[in-house]
Amino acid sequence: MKLYRIWAATRQQNAPAIRLLDRLNFVKVKETDDDEIEYGLR
């Protein structure tokens, strides 16, 4: 299976999800206007 991109999105208030994404080496890609953060796996 070839994966070209793995990404995740969460709300800025969801601190547990943000900590988990940080631990899994996801990098913040973009903050959207609707209070969401997008992450990509490096």
Protein backbone atom coordinates (compact mmCIF):
# COMPACT_ATOMS: atom_id res chain seq x y z
CA MET A 1 0.00 0.00 0.00
CA LYS A 2 1.46 3.33 -1.04
CA LEU A 3 0.46 6.20 1.19
CA TYR A 4 1.31 9.64 -0.09
CA ARG A 5 -0.10 11.67 2.74
CA ILE A 6 -1.29 11.05 6.27
CA TRP A 7 -3.06 13.93 7.96
CA ALA A 8 -5.27 14.71 10.91
CA ALA A 9 -7.48 17.59 11.96
CA THR A 10 -8.70 18.64 15.40
CA ARG A 11 -10.19 21.62 17.19
CA GLN A 12 -7.82 24.01 18.94
CA GLN A 13 -9.55 23.30 22.28
CA ASN A 14 -8.84 19.54 22.06
CA ALA A 15 -5.59 19.52 24.07
CA PRO A 16 -5.43 15.70 24.52
CA ALA A 17 -5.62 15.15 20.75
CA ILE A 18 -2.97 17.80 20.12
CA ARG A 19 -0.61 16.16 22.64
CA LEU A 20 -1.18 12.77 20.99
CA LEU A 21 -0.47 14.14 17.53
CA ASP A 22 2.73 15.74 18.85
CA ARG A 23 3.82 12.42 20.39
CA LEU A 24 3.15 10.68 17.07
CA ASN A 25 5.44 13.19 15.25
CA PHE A 26 2.68 15.00 13.40
CA VAL A 27 3.56 18.56 12.38
CA LYS A 28 1.12 21.47 12.38
CA VAL A 29 0.40 22.37 8.78
CA LYS A 30 -2.36 24.95 8.98
CA GLU A 31 -4.78 26.70 11.32
CA THR A 32 -8.15 27.29 9.71
CA ASP A 33 -10.61 30.11 10.32
CA ASP A 34 -13.16 27.73 11.83
CA ASP A 35 -11.00 26.94 14.90
CA GLU A 36 -9.42 23.80 13.46
CA ILE A 37 -5.78 22.72 13.20
CA GLU A 38 -4.51 20.45 10.44
CA TYR A 39 -1.51 18.19 10.95
CA GLY A 40 0.62 16.13 8.58
CA LEU A 41 2.87 13.19 9.39
CA ARG A 42 6.54 13.65 8.61
